[in-house]
């Protein structure tokens, strides 16, 4: 085989791999559940970062012991995510059940004055260069993120929205 043909074959294989990943993500977005989730913005304090907002997702815990109020650190626990009544629920998964590996862990954290259940790994939402940081909200505003909940792995963010007090979630036009 000539070098040009070999190079074209490798290029076609690489483009196919990238296209198949994109197709899988689009397929998941259409077929998997979607839900708006309240967030707790999180700054990872990394020296080299792209233009993204790092968000911890606040979930409704099920089957997880309530932390003692005097504890400052709370251990994480394996969880399985699902959507119930337009809410993201993280159900504690016993370590003895290997067939439902989701790779997601939850723990309690202090957000403001309240202890809430959050997913341990924050999700990154990439933003354009010229957009100001959407995680900095005014008084009475909450940042929400619409996510796809895949069968395995962490939620995948789709878009950001803002909720004023108890009003509706208004998507942000960040593009």
Protein backbone atom coordinates (compact mmCIF):
# COMPACT_ATOMS: atom_id res chain seq x y z
CA UNK A 1 0.00 0.00 0.00
CA UNK A 2 1.22 3.48 -0.80
CA UNK A 3 1.85 5.96 2.04
CA UNK A 4 -0.94 8.25 0.80
CA UNK A 5 -3.50 5.43 0.95
CA UNK A 6 -2.30 4.41 4.43
CA UNK A 7 -2.64 8.01 5.61
CA UNK A 8 -6.15 8.29 4.19
CA UNK A 9 -7.20 5.01 5.82
CA UNK A 10 -5.93 6.22 9.22
CA UNK A 11 -7.66 9.60 8.75
CA UNK A 12 -10.96 7.87 7.92
CA UNK A 13 -10.64 5.65 11.00
CA UNK A 14 -9.96 8.67 13.27
CA UNK A 15 -12.85 10.69 11.84
CA UNK A 16 -15.12 7.65 12.27
CA UNK A 17 -14.12 7.29 15.92
CA UNK A 18 -14.81 10.95 16.70
CA UNK A 19 -18.09 10.92 14.75
CA UNK A 20 -19.26 7.76 16.54
CA UNK A 21 -18.62 9.38 19.93
CA UNK A 22 -20.56 12.47 18.88
CA UNK A 23 -23.40 10.30 17.59
CA UNK A 24 -23.52 8.37 20.87
CA UNK A 25 -23.70 11.59 22.91
CA UNK A 26 -26.50 12.93 20.69
CA UNK A 27 -28.34 9.60 20.90
CA UNK A 28 -28.06 9.66 24.73
CA UNK A 29 -29.37 13.24 24.79
CA UNK A 30 -32.48 12.13 22.88
CA UNK A 31 -33.13 8.80 24.64
CA UNK A 32 -31.90 9.31 28.23
CA UNK A 33 -33.80 11.33 30.85
CA UNK A 34 -33.15 15.07 31.15
CA UNK A 35 -33.70 17.18 34.23
CA UNK A 36 -32.94 20.64 35.60
CA UNK A 37 -30.68 20.36 38.67
CA UNK A 38 -29.86 23.02 41.25
CA UNK A 39 -26.13 23.69 41.53
CA UNK A 40 -23.50 24.85 43.93
CA UNK A 41 -20.77 26.64 41.92
CA UNK A 42 -17.35 25.28 42.76
CA UNK A 43 -13.96 26.77 41.99
CA UNK A 44 -11.40 23.97 41.68
CA UNK A 45 -8.52 26.48 42.07
CA UNK A 46 -6.47 25.01 39.26
CA UNK A 47 -3.68 27.12 37.75
CA UNK A 48 -4.50 26.10 34.16
CA UNK A 49 -8.19 26.11 33.32
CA UNK A 50 -10.21 26.63 30.21
CA UNK A 51 -13.29 28.85 30.08
CA UNK A 52 -15.72 26.72 32.02
CA UNK A 53 -17.88 26.83 35.11
CA UNK A 54 -17.37 23.97 37.52
CA UNK A 55 -20.65 22.97 39.21
CA UNK A 56 -21.55 20.59 41.99
CA UNK A 57 -25.02 19.15 41.42
CA UNK A 58 -27.38 19.17 44.40
CA UNK A 59 -29.35 15.92 44.51
CA UNK A 60 -32.13 14.44 46.59
CA UNK A 61 -30.51 11.65 48.65
CA UNK A 62 -32.17 8.28 49.21
CA UNK A 63 -30.85 5.66 51.60
CA UNK A 64 -27.91 7.73 52.79
CA UNK A 65 -27.40 8.33 56.50
CA UNK A 66 -27.89 11.89 57.70
CA UNK A 67 -24.55 13.44 58.75
CA UNK A 68 -23.92 14.59 62.27
CA UNK A 69 -24.11 18.38 62.41
CA UNK A 70 -20.75 18.81 64.17
CA UNK A 71 -18.82 16.90 61.50
CA UNK A 72 -17.01 19.11 58.99
CA UNK A 73 -16.07 16.31 56.60
CA UNK A 74 -18.53 13.71 55.31
CA UNK A 75 -17.41 10.54 53.52
CA UNK A 76 -18.73 9.86 50.05
CA UNK A 77 -20.88 6.92 49.09
CA UNK A 78 -21.54 5.15 45.79
CA UNK A 79 -24.84 6.17 44.23
CA UNK A 80 -27.16 5.38 41.36
CA UNK A 81 -28.85 8.36 39.67
CA UNK A 82 -32.41 8.49 38.38
CA UNK A 83 -35.06 11.10 37.62
CA UNK A 84 -38.25 11.15 39.69
CA UNK A 85 -40.94 13.81 39.31
CA UNK A 86 -38.59 16.28 37.59
CA UNK A 87 -35.95 15.87 40.32
CA UNK A 88 -32.54 14.21 40.30
CA UNK A 89 -32.43 11.46 42.91
CA UNK A 90 -29.19 9.84 44.09
CA UNK A 91 -29.91 6.51 45.68
CA UNK A 92 -27.24 5.01 47.90
CA UNK A 93 -25.81 1.94 46.22
CA UNK A 94 -24.40 -0.78 48.43
CA UNK A 95 -20.82 -1.68 47.52
CA UNK A 96 -21.90 -5.33 47.44
CA UNK A 97 -23.95 -4.78 44.25
CA UNK A 98 -21.32 -4.82 41.46
CA UNK A 99 -23.76 -5.21 38.57
CA UNK A 100 -24.98 -1.60 38.84
CA UNK A 101 -21.69 0.22 38.53
CA UNK A 102 -22.44 3.87 37.84
CA UNK A 103 -19.14 5.45 38.86
CA UNK A 104 -21.05 8.23 40.68
CA UNK A 105 -20.47 9.12 44.32
CA UNK A 106 -22.42 11.50 46.54
CA UNK A 107 -21.73 13.15 49.87
CA UNK A 108 -23.07 15.87 52.11
CA UNK A 109 -21.62 19.36 51.83
CA UNK A 110 -22.37 22.72 53.37
CA UNK A 111 -23.78 25.21 50.86
CA UNK A 112 -24.52 28.55 52.49
CA UNK A 113 -26.03 27.62 55.85
CA UNK A 114 -27.54 24.31 54.78
CA UNK A 115 -26.20 20.78 54.49
CA UNK A 116 -27.14 19.31 51.14
CA UNK A 117 -26.34 16.14 49.23
CA UNK A 118 -24.08 16.79 46.24
CA UNK A 119 -22.40 14.65 43.63
CA UNK A 120 -18.74 14.31 44.57
CA UNK A 121 -17.35 15.04 41.10
CA UNK A 122 -18.27 18.48 39.78
CA UNK A 123 -19.41 18.79 36.17
CA UNK A 124 -17.82 21.30 33.81
CA UNK A 125 -19.91 23.56 31.60
CA UNK A 126 -17.78 25.25 28.94
CA UNK A 127 -18.55 28.88 28.15
CA UNK A 128 -17.44 31.22 25.35
CA UNK A 129 -14.54 33.61 25.91
CA UNK A 130 -16.62 36.81 25.94
CA UNK A 131 -19.31 35.60 28.39
CA UNK A 132 -19.01 36.73 32.02
CA UNK A 133 -18.95 34.02 34.69
CA UNK A 134 -22.58 32.81 34.98
CA UNK A 135 -21.97 31.25 38.40
CA UNK A 136 -21.88 34.69 40.04
CA UNK A 137 -25.54 35.35 40.72
CA UNK A 138 -27.36 38.17 42.45
CA UNK A 139 -29.41 38.00 45.63
CA UNK A 140 -32.33 35.56 45.30
CA UNK A 141 -31.00 33.96 42.10
CA UNK A 142 -30.01 30.32 41.79
CA UNK A 143 -27.98 28.75 39.00
CA UNK A 144 -29.50 25.58 37.53
CA UNK A 145 -28.16 23.24 34.86
CA UNK A 146 -30.14 21.03 32.49
CA UNK A 147 -28.44 17.65 32.31
CA UNK A 148 -28.73 14.34 30.54
CA UNK A 149 -28.61 11.44 32.99
CA UNK A 150 -26.80 8.52 31.30
CA UNK A 151 -27.05 4.95 32.57
CA UNK A 152 -23.39 5.02 33.62
CA UNK A 153 -21.17 7.90 34.58
CA UNK A 154 -21.79 11.46 35.67
CA UNK A 155 -24.56 13.71 34.34
CA UNK A 156 -23.77 15.61 31.14
CA UNK A 157 -24.63 19.33 31.19
CA UNK A 158 -26.66 20.74 28.29
CA UNK A 159 -27.42 24.35 29.24
CA UNK A 160 -27.55 26.73 32.19
CA UNK A 161 -30.55 28.55 33.58
CA UNK A 162 -31.39 30.98 36.37
CA UNK A 163 -34.25 30.75 38.82
CA UNK A 164 -35.42 33.85 40.70
CA UNK A 165 -36.77 32.92 44.14
CA UNK A 166 -39.49 30.33 43.35
CA UNK A 167 -40.13 31.39 39.76
CA UNK A 168 -39.57 29.39 36.59
CA UNK A 169 -36.10 28.48 35.34
CA UNK A 170 -35.04 30.84 32.55
CA UNK A 171 -32.32 29.40 30.25
CA UNK A 172 -29.27 31.62 29.75
CA UNK A 173 -28.30 32.56 26.19
CA UNK A 174 -24.56 31.92 26.46
CA UNK A 175 -23.72 31.06 22.85
